[in-house]
Amino acid sequence: MVIVGYYAHGNKHYVAFKDEADTKDRFMITDGFHDRPVTERNQGKYEGYVKIDKAECNIKKIIGRIRGTRPWHPLLRLLQKEAG
């Protein structure tokens, strides 16, 4: 699992991630509750998403959402390391 970047859409923050084996142009984006695939085909849906710096992203809120709904998620440990 690799973090690709951090995004914001309105007041909500997202983390983009992918498996190390996935192709270059495909990744997933999550707000903590839902994981959505972003591919070349559906990129237009995500045009309003703005790339932000890690320091601007509320990683702890995303961790709380993942921990509450899917404590088994492989991204959880990686985000906990990122949050410090």
Protein backbone atom coordinates (compact mmCIF):
# COMPACT_ATOMS: atom_id res chain seq x y z
CA MET A 1 0.00 0.00 0.00
CA VAL A 2 1.36 3.41 -1.03
CA ILE A 3 -0.11 6.87 -0.42
CA VAL A 4 -0.34 8.77 -3.71
CA GLY A 5 -1.50 12.15 -2.36
CA TYR A 6 -3.94 14.14 -0.27
CA TYR A 7 -7.00 15.92 -1.68
CA ALA A 8 -9.78 18.24 -0.58
CA HIS A 9 -13.24 18.68 -2.01
CA GLY A 10 -15.16 21.37 -0.19
CA ASN A 11 -14.56 20.84 3.53
CA LYS A 12 -13.87 17.11 3.21
CA HIS A 13 -10.38 15.65 2.98
CA TYR A 14 -9.36 12.51 1.12
CA VAL A 15 -6.34 10.25 0.88
CA ALA A 16 -5.36 8.73 -2.47
CA PHE A 17 -3.65 5.35 -2.29
CA LYS A 18 -2.85 2.32 -4.36
CA ASP A 19 -1.37 -1.13 -4.08
CA GLU A 20 2.23 -1.28 -5.13
CA ALA A 21 1.28 -3.75 -7.89
CA ASP A 22 -1.42 -1.49 -9.43
CA THR A 23 -0.85 0.33 -12.68
CA LYS A 24 0.37 3.90 -12.76
CA ASP A 25 -2.89 5.59 -13.84
CA ARG A 26 -5.19 3.83 -11.38
CA PHE A 27 -5.59 4.51 -7.67
CA MET A 28 -8.23 4.64 -4.95
CA ILE A 29 -9.43 7.65 -3.00
CA THR A 30 -10.99 7.44 0.47
CA ASP A 31 -12.61 9.75 2.99
CA GLY A 32 -12.44 7.02 5.61
CA PHE A 33 -15.89 5.57 4.90
CA HIS A 34 -15.81 4.88 1.16
CA ASP A 35 -13.01 3.78 -1.14
CA ARG A 36 -13.59 4.89 -4.71
CA PRO A 37 -11.49 3.90 -7.71
CA VAL A 38 -10.08 6.69 -9.85
CA THR A 39 -9.24 5.56 -13.35
CA GLU A 40 -8.61 7.20 -16.67
CA ARG A 41 -12.25 6.60 -17.58
CA ASN A 42 -13.88 8.28 -14.56
CA GLN A 43 -11.34 11.07 -13.93
CA GLY A 44 -13.87 13.75 -14.90
CA LYS A 45 -15.88 13.06 -11.74
CA TYR A 46 -12.93 14.16 -9.63
CA GLU A 47 -12.01 17.44 -11.36
CA GLY A 48 -13.20 19.50 -8.38
CA TYR A 49 -10.79 17.72 -6.04
CA VAL A 50 -7.80 19.90 -5.15
CA LYS A 51 -4.44 18.40 -4.25
CA ILE A 52 -3.31 19.62 -0.83
CA ASP A 53 -0.21 19.22 1.30
CA LYS A 54 -0.04 16.49 3.93
CA ALA A 55 0.09 19.14 6.67
CA GLU A 56 -3.25 20.59 5.51
CA CYS A 57 -5.05 17.24 5.49
CA ASN A 58 -6.90 16.17 8.62
CA ILE A 59 -5.39 12.69 8.71
CA LYS A 60 -6.58 11.98 12.26
CA LYS A 61 -10.21 12.43 11.21
CA ILE A 62 -9.76 9.97 8.34
CA ILE A 63 -8.05 7.51 10.72
CA GLY A 64 -11.00 7.77 13.11
CA ARG A 65 -13.46 7.04 10.33
CA ILE A 66 -11.52 4.02 9.09
CA ARG A 67 -10.99 2.68 12.60
CA GLY A 68 -14.70 2.99 13.37
CA THR A 69 -15.98 1.32 10.21
CA ARG A 70 -13.19 -0.91 8.91
CA PRO A 71 -10.44 -1.54 11.48
CA TRP A 72 -8.99 -4.25 9.19
CA HIS A 73 -8.26 -1.80 6.34
CA PRO A 74 -4.58 -2.02 5.23
CA LEU A 75 -4.37 1.77 4.86
CA LEU A 76 -5.03 2.27 8.58
CA ARG A 77 -1.52 1.34 9.75
CA LEU A 78 0.10 3.42 7.06
CA LEU A 79 -1.96 6.49 8.00
CA GLN A 80 -1.17 6.00 11.68
CA LYS A 81 2.54 6.11 10.83
CA GLU A 82 1.96 9.26 8.74
CA ALA A 83 0.10 10.97 11.59
CA GLY A 84 2.93 10.23 13.99
